[in-house]
Protein backbone atom coordinates (compact mmCIF):
# COMPACT_ATOMS: atom_id res chain seq x y z
CA MET A 1 239.70 166.66 175.17
CA THR A 2 238.84 163.75 177.49
CA SER A 3 240.28 164.96 180.79
CA LEU A 4 236.84 164.77 182.43
CA ALA A 5 235.86 161.36 181.06
CA GLY A 6 233.48 159.55 183.37
CA GLN A 7 232.82 162.58 185.56
CA VAL A 8 229.22 163.62 186.23
CA ALA A 9 228.83 167.41 186.11
CA LEU A 10 225.74 169.29 187.30
CA ILE A 11 225.31 172.88 186.14
CA THR A 12 222.55 175.19 187.32
CA GLY A 13 221.09 178.12 185.37
CA ALA A 14 222.08 176.70 181.99
CA SER A 15 219.25 177.52 179.60
CA ALA A 16 220.13 181.03 178.38
CA PRO A 17 221.37 180.95 174.75
CA ARG A 18 224.16 183.42 175.53
CA GLY A 19 224.70 182.34 179.09
CA ILE A 20 227.69 181.30 181.13
CA GLY A 21 225.91 178.11 182.21
CA ARG A 22 225.38 176.97 178.65
CA ALA A 23 229.00 177.67 177.72
CA ILE A 24 230.20 175.71 180.75
CA ALA A 25 227.95 172.78 179.83
CA VAL A 26 229.31 172.67 176.29
CA ARG A 27 232.93 172.93 177.48
CA LEU A 28 232.65 170.21 180.13
CA ALA A 29 230.88 167.92 177.66
CA GLN A 30 233.75 168.48 175.23
CA GLY A 31 236.06 167.40 178.04
CA GLY A 32 234.25 164.09 178.30
CA ALA A 33 231.99 164.80 181.27
CA ARG A 34 228.46 163.47 181.46
CA VAL A 35 226.64 166.76 181.87
CA VAL A 36 223.37 167.53 183.62
CA VAL A 37 221.92 170.94 182.80
CA THR A 38 219.22 172.55 184.94
CA ASP A 39 217.08 175.64 185.05
CA THR A 40 213.68 176.80 186.23
CA GLU A 41 210.48 176.44 184.26
CA GLY A 42 208.62 179.31 182.67
CA PRO A 43 208.96 181.88 179.91
CA VAL A 44 211.93 184.11 179.29
CA GLU A 45 212.22 187.01 176.88
CA ILE A 46 215.43 187.24 174.87
CA GLU A 47 215.88 190.09 172.42
CA GLY A 48 212.14 190.69 172.36
CA LYS A 49 211.21 187.06 171.69
CA ALA A 50 209.49 184.75 174.15
CA HIS A 51 211.02 181.35 174.87
CA GLN A 52 210.33 178.55 177.31
CA ARG A 53 213.32 177.78 179.50
CA SER A 54 212.50 174.07 179.34
CA ASP A 55 212.69 174.13 175.54
CA LEU A 56 216.04 175.91 175.60
CA LEU A 57 217.35 173.47 178.19
CA ASN A 58 216.21 170.42 176.25
CA GLN A 59 217.83 171.78 173.10
CA LEU A 60 221.10 172.18 174.97
CA ALA A 61 220.93 168.68 176.43
CA LEU A 62 220.30 167.26 172.96
CA GLN A 63 223.23 169.25 171.56
CA ILE A 64 225.75 167.95 174.10
CA GLY A 65 224.29 164.50 174.71
CA GLY A 66 223.44 165.42 178.29
CA LEU A 67 220.51 165.28 180.67
CA ALA A 68 218.08 168.16 181.25
CA VAL A 69 216.40 168.49 184.66
CA THR A 70 214.01 171.22 185.77
CA LEU A 71 215.33 172.81 188.95
CA ASP A 72 214.44 175.89 190.95
CA VAL A 73 217.43 176.25 193.30
CA THR A 74 215.25 178.03 195.88
CA LYS A 75 213.12 174.90 196.44
CA PRO A 76 214.66 172.16 198.61
CA ASP A 77 212.25 169.50 197.35
CA GLN A 78 213.31 170.17 193.77
CA ILE A 79 216.99 170.01 194.75
CA ALA A 80 216.45 166.62 196.39
CA GLY A 81 214.48 165.39 193.38
CA CYS A 82 217.15 166.60 190.95
CA ILE A 83 219.96 164.85 192.82
CA GLU A 84 217.96 161.63 192.99
CA THR A 85 217.24 161.79 189.25
CA VAL A 86 220.92 162.30 188.51
CA HIS A 87 221.96 159.44 190.81
CA GLN A 88 219.55 157.07 189.11
CA ALA A 89 220.49 158.10 185.58
CA LEU A 90 224.24 158.72 185.83
CA GLY A 91 225.48 158.20 189.36
CA PRO A 92 226.75 160.64 191.99
CA VAL A 93 227.69 164.20 191.08
CA ASP A 94 231.47 164.68 190.76
CA ILE A 95 231.42 168.33 189.65
CA LEU A 96 228.87 170.88 190.86
CA VAL A 97 228.79 174.27 189.14
CA ASN A 98 226.52 176.72 190.97
CA ASN A 99 225.85 179.15 188.14
CA ALA A 100 222.20 180.16 188.62
CA GLY A 101 221.94 183.80 189.61
CA SER A 102 219.49 186.63 190.05
CA LEU A 103 219.73 190.41 189.80
CA ALA A 104 216.81 190.87 192.21
CA GLY A 105 217.37 194.01 194.23
CA SER A 106 219.46 195.72 191.57
CA ASP A 107 218.39 199.25 192.30
CA ASN A 108 219.29 202.30 194.32
CA PHE A 109 220.04 201.00 197.81
CA LEU A 110 217.36 203.11 199.51
CA SER A 111 214.75 201.85 197.05
CA THR A 112 215.35 198.13 197.57
CA THR A 113 212.99 196.18 199.77
CA PRO A 114 213.52 193.30 202.22
CA ALA A 115 211.63 191.08 199.78
CA GLN A 116 214.11 191.88 197.00
CA TRP A 117 217.03 191.08 199.30
CA GLN A 118 215.39 187.82 200.33
CA ALA A 119 214.84 186.90 196.67
CA SER A 120 218.49 187.60 195.92
CA PHE A 121 219.60 185.58 198.93
CA ALA A 122 217.45 182.60 197.93
CA VAL A 123 218.97 182.27 194.46
CA ASN A 124 222.50 183.62 194.83
CA LEU A 125 223.52 182.15 198.19
CA LEU A 126 221.00 179.80 199.79
CA GLY A 127 220.57 177.77 196.60
CA PRO A 128 224.31 177.07 196.20
CA MET A 129 224.55 176.19 199.89
CA GLN A 130 221.71 173.66 199.67
CA LEU A 131 223.06 172.11 196.47
CA ALA A 132 226.47 171.72 198.09
CA GLN A 133 224.86 170.01 201.05
CA ALA A 134 223.07 167.67 198.67
CA VAL A 135 226.16 166.52 196.75
CA ILE A 136 228.91 166.54 199.38
CA PRO A 137 228.01 163.25 201.14
CA ALA A 138 228.49 161.25 197.93
CA MET A 139 231.71 163.16 197.20
CA GLN A 140 232.95 162.28 200.70
CA ALA A 141 232.17 158.62 200.09
CA LYS A 142 234.14 158.76 196.86
CA GLY A 143 237.00 160.77 198.35
CA ALA A 144 236.87 163.40 195.61
CA GLY A 145 234.74 166.20 194.23
CA ARG A 146 234.78 169.68 192.76
CA ILE A 147 232.40 172.51 193.63
CA ILE A 148 232.73 175.65 191.53
CA ASN A 149 230.65 178.68 192.44
CA ILE A 150 230.13 181.39 189.86
CA GLY A 151 230.56 184.74 191.53
CA SER A 152 231.39 188.03 189.81
CA THR A 153 233.48 191.13 190.28
CA GLY A 154 230.62 191.86 192.67
CA SER A 155 232.21 189.15 194.83
CA LEU A 156 235.39 191.21 195.10
CA GLY A 157 234.27 194.83 195.10
CA ALA A 158 231.18 196.95 194.54
CA GLU A 159 229.57 199.44 192.20
CA PRO A 160 226.43 201.50 192.82
CA GLY A 161 223.05 200.02 192.03
CA PHE A 162 223.70 196.33 192.75
CA GLY A 163 223.51 196.20 196.54
CA ALA A 164 221.68 192.92 197.09
CA TYR A 165 223.52 191.11 194.30
CA THR A 166 226.91 192.32 195.55
CA ALA A 167 226.20 191.33 199.14
CA MET A 168 225.17 187.81 198.13
CA LYS A 169 228.13 187.35 195.79
CA HIS A 170 230.46 188.34 198.62
CA GLY A 171 228.69 185.73 200.71
CA LEU A 172 229.25 183.15 197.97
CA VAL A 173 233.02 183.64 198.31
CA GLY A 174 232.68 182.98 202.02
CA LEU A 175 230.74 179.81 201.28
CA SER A 176 233.41 178.61 198.86
CA LYS A 177 236.21 179.20 201.33
CA THR A 178 234.26 177.46 204.09
CA LEU A 179 233.69 174.39 201.92
CA ALA A 180 237.35 174.38 200.83
CA ALA A 181 238.52 174.47 204.44
CA GLU A 182 236.01 172.01 205.85
CA PHE A 183 236.01 169.38 203.12
CA GLY A 184 239.56 169.56 201.80
CA PRO A 185 240.49 166.55 203.95
CA ASP A 186 237.82 164.60 202.06
CA GLY A 187 239.38 165.43 198.69
CA ILE A 188 236.70 168.01 197.83
CA LEU A 189 237.92 171.22 196.21
CA CYS A 190 235.82 174.39 196.11
CA ASN A 191 236.60 177.61 194.27
CA THR A 192 234.85 180.73 193.03
CA VAL A 193 235.13 181.93 189.44
CA CYS A 194 234.52 185.67 189.29
CA PRO A 195 233.53 186.89 185.82
CA GLY A 196 233.73 190.55 184.99
CA TYR A 197 231.75 192.06 182.15
CA ILE A 198 230.64 189.04 180.12
CA ALA A 199 228.35 189.42 177.12
CA THR A 200 225.48 187.30 178.47
CA ASP A 201 221.76 187.92 178.19
CA MET A 202 221.74 189.03 181.86
CA HIS A 203 224.64 191.44 181.40
CA MET A 204 223.19 193.00 178.28
CA ALA A 205 219.85 193.46 180.03
CA ALA A 206 221.70 195.28 182.84
CA ASN A 207 223.39 197.52 180.25
CA ALA A 208 219.99 198.38 178.80
CA ARG A 209 218.57 199.19 182.24
CA LEU A 210 221.50 201.41 183.16
CA SER A 211 221.39 203.23 179.83
CA GLN A 212 217.73 204.10 180.44
CA GLU A 213 218.36 205.17 184.04
CA GLN A 214 221.26 207.40 183.03
CA GLY A 215 219.60 208.71 179.87
CA VAL A 216 222.38 207.72 177.48
CA SER A 217 222.61 205.47 174.44
CA LEU A 218 223.45 201.80 174.85
CA ASP A 219 226.78 202.31 173.08
CA GLU A 220 227.65 205.14 175.43
CA MET A 221 226.65 203.01 178.41
CA LYS A 222 229.00 200.26 177.24
CA ARG A 223 231.81 202.75 176.66
CA ARG A 224 231.41 204.03 180.20
CA ARG A 225 231.19 200.60 181.83
CA TYR A 226 234.17 199.19 179.95
CA ALA A 227 236.35 202.31 180.22
CA ASP A 228 238.31 200.82 183.13
CA VAL A 229 238.64 197.36 181.59
CA ALA A 230 242.19 196.83 180.39
CA LEU A 231 240.89 195.12 177.25
CA ARG A 232 238.12 197.75 176.80
CA ASP A 233 235.44 195.18 176.04
CA ALA A 234 233.25 192.51 177.57
CA GLY A 235 234.40 188.91 177.61
CA THR A 236 232.50 185.88 176.33
CA PRO A 237 230.78 183.06 178.21
CA GLU A 238 233.39 180.74 176.69
CA ASP A 239 236.14 182.65 178.50
CA VAL A 240 234.48 181.78 181.80
CA ALA A 241 233.89 178.18 180.73
CA GLU A 242 237.61 177.68 180.18
CA ALA A 243 238.34 178.79 183.75
CA VAL A 244 235.72 176.37 185.07
CA ALA A 245 237.16 173.53 182.98
CA TYR A 246 240.58 174.21 184.50
CA LEU A 247 239.27 174.06 188.06
CA ALA A 248 237.15 170.98 187.30
CA GLY A 249 239.93 169.05 185.58
CA PRO A 250 243.22 167.35 186.51
CA ALA A 251 245.22 170.57 186.12
CA GLY A 252 243.29 172.09 189.03
CA CYS A 253 243.92 169.21 191.44
CA TYR A 254 245.88 171.35 193.94
CA VAL A 255 243.78 174.50 193.73
CA THR A 256 241.11 175.20 196.32
CA GLY A 257 239.63 178.16 198.18
CA ILE A 258 240.57 180.73 195.53
CA ASN A 259 238.72 183.50 193.72
CA LEU A 260 239.64 183.31 190.03
CA PRO A 261 238.84 186.60 188.24
CA VAL A 262 237.94 186.34 184.55
CA THR A 263 237.67 190.06 183.96
CA GLY A 264 239.83 191.33 181.12
CA GLY A 265 241.65 193.41 183.72
CA VAL A 266 238.75 195.26 185.33
CA PRO A 267 239.17 196.97 188.71
CA TYR A 268 236.94 195.55 191.40
CA GLY A 269 235.58 198.87 192.62
CA ILE A 270 235.57 199.85 196.26
């Protein structure tokens, strides 16, 4: 698979061992892209074990022969520094995948605070906007580029308990469509991939939280959440990565402004 040979791909939020970002990085590298993986610094607990995100990111970069860059998408100075580092090491970004996300504000609507909504906005919507602004000028100069935003079924509908996240993911669709409309004449395509229930670290943590809140076993929580999924199960990060590879590659050259559900047939809610 060399359909992306020579392309520079930047992926945010890529350190989680069972994350969508990591799967995308591996898939695009397999396609021949020169991949830059990013994530924030600091510890993260996965299945009761503490890890450093930087260690996980460096391991991934070593695995795929890519470049690891520390990036907090809420900090404009770090975005500028990341893009400069990539330019110096590999050249301009051809493919931007805005994958970093946050479940801040995932609570009963009346219990969420303005601070939680602001935290969700900073990661889920403002970060992708600022990264797009940072890479688009070079894409315009080249006359080509792909921006792929990772939304969710929360971009298309809603379920109780995820108010801030859902609002920002709806906003992300609006951002994608705006970029598609405004920069299509420059050869820049922008789409939103909308995963459903995907067995990531973040998703499994949400299952655990909901099982506690509802006082049921984890297995029962999964049965309830997946009851309306046509395939009756969660998907894998690799399923999402294949959709991203399609939109990033030659086969997606006439596709822009769409929402691509990767859901196993799940209803979108209200």
